[in-house]
C-alpha atoms as a PDB file:
ATOM      1  CA  ASP A   1     -59.712  64.360  -9.306  1.00  0.00           C
ATOM      2  CA  ALA A   2     -63.170  65.886 -10.295  1.00  0.00           C
ATOM      3  CA  GLU A   3     -64.195  62.475 -12.130  1.00  0.00           C
ATOM      4  CA  GLU A   4     -63.664  60.666  -8.852  1.00  0.00           C
ATOM      5  CA  MET A   5     -65.165  63.255  -6.727  1.00  0.00           C
ATOM      6  CA  GLY A   6     -68.271  63.201  -8.869  1.00  0.00           C
ATOM      7  CA  GLN A   7     -68.520  59.505  -8.182  1.00  0.00           C
ATOM      8  CA  GLN A   8     -68.588  59.892  -4.338  1.00  0.00           C
ATOM      9  CA  VAL A   9     -71.169  62.568  -3.832  1.00  0.00           C
ATOM     10  CA  ALA A  10     -74.465  62.218  -4.076  1.00  0.00           C
ATOM     11  CA  ILE A  11     -77.239  64.859  -4.370  1.00  0.00           C
ATOM     12  CA  GLU A  12     -80.983  64.896  -2.860  1.00  0.00           C
ATOM     13  CA  GLY A  13     -83.736  67.114  -3.299  1.00  0.00           C
ATOM     14  CA  THR A  14     -84.169  70.512  -5.430  1.00  0.00           C
ATOM     15  CA  THR A  15     -84.695  73.974  -4.633  1.00  0.00           C
ATOM     16  CA  SER A  16     -88.146  75.273  -5.724  1.00  0.00           C
ATOM     17  CA  LEU A  17     -87.184  79.327  -5.438  1.00  0.00           C
ATOM     18  CA  PRO A  18     -84.373  81.112  -6.626  1.00  0.00           C
ATOM     19  CA  PHE A  19     -81.827  81.698  -3.630  1.00  0.00           C
ATOM     20  CA  ALA A  20     -80.214  85.342  -3.637  1.00  0.00           C
ATOM     21  CA  CYS A  21     -76.319  84.881  -2.335  1.00  0.00           C
ATOM     22  CA  GLU A  22     -72.924  85.420  -3.671  1.00  0.00           C
ATOM     23  CA  PRO A  23     -72.594  82.403  -5.669  1.00  0.00           C
ATOM     24  CA  GLN A  24     -68.688  82.006  -5.737  1.00  0.00           C
ATOM     25  CA  ALA A  25     -68.799  82.269  -1.628  1.00  0.00           C
ATOM     26  CA  LEU A  26     -71.724  79.769  -1.436  1.00  0.00           C
ATOM     27  CA  LYS A  27     -69.680  77.532  -3.641  1.00  0.00           C
ATOM     28  CA  ARG A  28     -66.783  77.723  -1.479  1.00  0.00           C
ATOM     29  CA  CYS A  29     -68.792  77.151   1.631  1.00  0.00           C
ATOM     30  CA  VAL A  30     -70.710  73.778   0.346  1.00  0.00           C
ATOM     31  CA  GLY A  31     -67.472  72.751  -1.548  1.00  0.00           C
ATOM     32  CA  ASN A  32     -65.251  72.860   1.655  1.00  0.00           C
ATOM     33  CA  LEU A  33     -68.040  70.788   3.523  1.00  0.00           C
ATOM     34  CA  VAL A  34     -68.229  68.574   0.546  1.00  0.00           C
ATOM     35  CA  GLU A  35     -64.315  68.272   0.375  1.00  0.00           C
ATOM     36  CA  ASN A  36     -64.274  67.403   4.158  1.00  0.00           C
ATOM     37  CA  ALA A  37     -66.912  64.754   3.740  1.00  0.00           C
ATOM     38  CA  VAL A  38     -65.347  62.811   1.045  1.00  0.00           C
ATOM     39  CA  LYS A  39     -61.766  63.151   2.493  1.00  0.00           C
ATOM     40  CA  TYR A  40     -62.680  61.832   5.898  1.00  0.00           C
ATOM     41  CA  GLY A  41     -65.848  60.287   5.307  1.00  0.00           C
ATOM     42  CA  LYS A  42     -65.432  58.450   1.990  1.00  0.00           C
ATOM     43  CA  ARG A  43     -68.772  59.810   0.637  1.00  0.00           C
ATOM     44  CA  ALA A  44     -70.953  63.053   0.909  1.00  0.00           C
ATOM     45  CA  THR A  45     -74.572  63.102   0.327  1.00  0.00           C
ATOM     46  CA  ILE A  46     -75.786  66.676  -0.067  1.00  0.00           C
ATOM     47  CA  SER A  47     -79.630  67.313   0.856  1.00  0.00           C
ATOM     48  CA  VAL A  48     -81.539  70.206  -0.347  1.00  0.00           C
ATOM     49  CA  ASP A  49     -84.415  71.750   1.278  1.00  0.00           C
ATOM     50  CA  ASP A  50     -86.136  75.274   0.772  1.00  0.00           C
ATOM     51  CA  ASN A  51     -89.345  76.943   1.769  1.00  0.00           C
ATOM     52  CA  ALA A  52     -90.145  80.719   1.857  1.00  0.00           C
ATOM     53  CA  THR A  53     -88.133  81.489   4.535  1.00  0.00           C
ATOM     54  CA  ARG A  54     -85.050  79.668   4.345  1.00  0.00           C
ATOM     55  CA  LEU A  55     -82.715  77.145   2.709  1.00  0.00           C
ATOM     56  CA  LEU A  56     -81.357  74.152   3.977  1.00  0.00           C
ATOM     57  CA  LEU A  57     -78.430  72.150   2.888  1.00  0.00           C
ATOM     58  CA  THR A  58     -77.278  69.033   4.602  1.00  0.00           C
ATOM     59  CA  ILE A  59     -73.993  67.479   3.844  1.00  0.00           C
ATOM     60  CA  ARG A  60     -73.628  63.943   5.349  1.00  0.00           C
ATOM     61  CA  ASP A  61     -70.506  61.729   5.297  1.00  0.00           C
ATOM     62  CA  GLU A  62     -69.985  57.949   5.812  1.00  0.00           C
ATOM     63  CA  GLY A  63     -67.005  58.333   8.577  1.00  0.00           C
ATOM     64  CA  PRO A  64     -66.549  57.689  12.165  1.00  0.00           C
ATOM     65  CA  GLY A  65     -67.922  60.868  13.143  1.00  0.00           C
ATOM     66  CA  ILE A  66     -66.446  63.308  15.348  1.00  0.00           C
ATOM     67  CA  PRO A  67     -66.096  63.157  18.988  1.00  0.00           C
ATOM     68  CA  SER A  68     -69.041  64.884  20.642  1.00  0.00           C
ATOM     69  CA  ASP A  69     -66.826  67.071  22.752  1.00  0.00           C
ATOM     70  CA  LYS A  70     -65.117  68.614  19.546  1.00  0.00           C
ATOM     71  CA  LEU A  71     -68.376  69.395  17.295  1.00  0.00           C
ATOM     72  CA  GLU A  72     -68.164  72.937  17.964  1.00  0.00           C
ATOM     73  CA  HIS A  73     -64.269  72.949  18.073  1.00  0.00           C
ATOM     74  CA  VAL A  74     -64.001  71.665  14.508  1.00  0.00           C
ATOM     75  CA  PHE A  75     -64.879  75.471  13.507  1.00  0.00           C
ATOM     76  CA  GLU A  76     -62.207  77.126  15.212  1.00  0.00           C
ATOM     77  CA  PRO A  77     -59.400  78.282  12.904  1.00  0.00           C
ATOM     78  CA  PHE A  78     -56.473  75.974  12.514  1.00  0.00           C
ATOM     79  CA  VAL A  79     -58.205  73.122  14.155  1.00  0.00           C
ATOM     80  CA  ARG A  80     -57.378  69.430  12.667  1.00  0.00           C
ATOM     81  CA  LEU A  81     -58.658  66.452  14.637  1.00  0.00           C
ATOM     82  CA  GLU A  82     -56.035  63.796  15.174  1.00  0.00           C
ATOM     83  CA  GLY A  83     -56.797  59.819  14.680  1.00  0.00           C
ATOM     84  CA  SER A  84     -59.266  59.967  11.759  1.00  0.00           C
ATOM     85  CA  ARG A  85     -58.232  63.134  10.711  1.00  0.00           C
ATOM     86  CA  SER A  86     -54.779  62.392  10.146  1.00  0.00           C
ATOM     87  CA  ARG A  87     -52.087  65.298   8.896  1.00  0.00           C
ATOM     88  CA  GLU A  88     -51.189  62.925   6.034  1.00  0.00           C
ATOM     89  CA  THR A  89     -54.540  63.997   4.182  1.00  0.00           C
ATOM     90  CA  GLY A  90     -53.209  67.761   4.064  1.00  0.00           C
ATOM     91  CA  GLY A  91     -55.276  70.911   4.644  1.00  0.00           C
ATOM     92  CA  THR A  92     -54.809  73.862   6.948  1.00  0.00           C
ATOM     93  CA  GLY A  93     -57.628  73.428   9.403  1.00  0.00           C
ATOM     94  CA  LEU A  94     -59.200  76.542   7.587  1.00  0.00           C
ATOM     95  CA  GLY A  95     -62.108  74.739   5.664  1.00  0.00           C
ATOM     96  CA  LEU A  96     -64.815  74.646   8.261  1.00  0.00           C
ATOM     97  CA  THR A  97     -63.738  78.076   9.580  1.00  0.00           C
ATOM     98  CA  ILE A  98     -64.160  79.648   6.387  1.00  0.00           C
ATOM     99  CA  ALA A  99     -67.502  77.580   5.576  1.00  0.00           C
ATOM    100  CA  ARG A 100     -68.996  79.100   8.983  1.00  0.00           C
ATOM    101  CA  SER A 101     -67.880  82.571   7.987  1.00  0.00           C
ATOM    102  CA  ILE A 102     -69.849  82.384   4.749  1.00  0.00           C
ATOM    103  CA  ALA A 103     -72.911  80.916   6.000  1.00  0.00           C
ATOM    104  CA  GLU A 104     -72.974  83.792   8.557  1.00  0.00           C
ATOM    105  CA  ALA A 105     -72.222  86.407   6.182  1.00  0.00           C
ATOM    106  CA  HIS A 106     -75.463  85.128   4.343  1.00  0.00           C
ATOM    107  CA  GLY A 107     -77.155  85.776   7.660  1.00  0.00           C
ATOM    108  CA  GLY A 108     -77.125  82.126   8.070  1.00  0.00           C
ATOM    109  CA  SER A 109     -75.182  79.197  10.070  1.00  0.00           C
ATOM    110  CA  ILE A 110     -73.694  75.839  10.251  1.00  0.00           C
ATOM    111  CA  THR A 111     -74.042  73.355  12.823  1.00  0.00           C
ATOM    112  CA  ALA A 112     -72.642  69.756  13.219  1.00  0.00           C
ATOM    113  CA  ARG A 113     -73.697  66.589  14.601  1.00  0.00           C
ATOM    114  CA  ASN A 114     -73.043  62.884  14.326  1.00  0.00           C
ATOM    115  CA  VAL A 115     -75.699  60.631  12.536  1.00  0.00           C
ATOM    116  CA  GLU A 116     -76.872  58.186  14.801  1.00  0.00           C
ATOM    117  CA  GLY A 117     -75.266  54.554  15.263  1.00  0.00           C
ATOM    118  CA  GLY A 118     -71.856  56.017  14.380  1.00  0.00           C
ATOM    119  CA  ARG A 119     -72.505  56.344  10.501  1.00  0.00           C
ATOM    120  CA  GLY A 120     -71.110  59.365   9.636  1.00  0.00           C
ATOM    121  CA  ALA A 121     -71.163  63.552  10.491  1.00  0.00           C
ATOM    122  CA  GLU A 122     -73.785  65.547   9.355  1.00  0.00           C
ATOM    123  CA  PHE A 123     -73.338  69.410   8.591  1.00  0.00           C
ATOM    124  CA  ALA A 124     -76.449  71.509   8.485  1.00  0.00           C
ATOM    125  CA  VAL A 125     -76.393  74.979   6.458  1.00  0.00           C
ATOM    126  CA  ARG A 126     -79.346  76.993   7.338  1.00  0.00           C
ATOM    127  CA  LEU A 127     -79.502  80.222   5.273  1.00  0.00           C
ATOM    128  CA  PRO A 128     -82.357  82.784   5.427  1.00  0.00           C
ATOM    129  CA  ALA A 129     -84.374  83.466   2.161  1.00  0.00           C
ATOM    130  CA  ALA A 130     -83.783  87.250   0.930  1.00  0.00           C
ATOM    131  CA  SER A 131     -86.881  89.405   1.771  1.00  0.00           C
END
């Protein structure tokens, strides 16, 4: 439910420049990442940072992280990690694939890493500013 999710999502930072994009697509990209962070990591923190050349959105959760050998694998279609990411939570395994496709369609990228000390996973969306 949207009200409950609002209590589990924090936003840090702001943009200083307008960003040219396909808004519905970018909303889905970020939405998929935030939904995963809340579902598997209890809480999502979105950090926003921009400059004249790029927009950087970082979505961090507070879950167990992702096995390091699976960090790139999670972007493949229909991949669902077992253990902390159980089938009981639902989903098709396409959310991260779709998010990466949207970022790439905007000329950008998404990378995944674990937060030091086993304090969650972090997904960085880097999008170039329009020229």
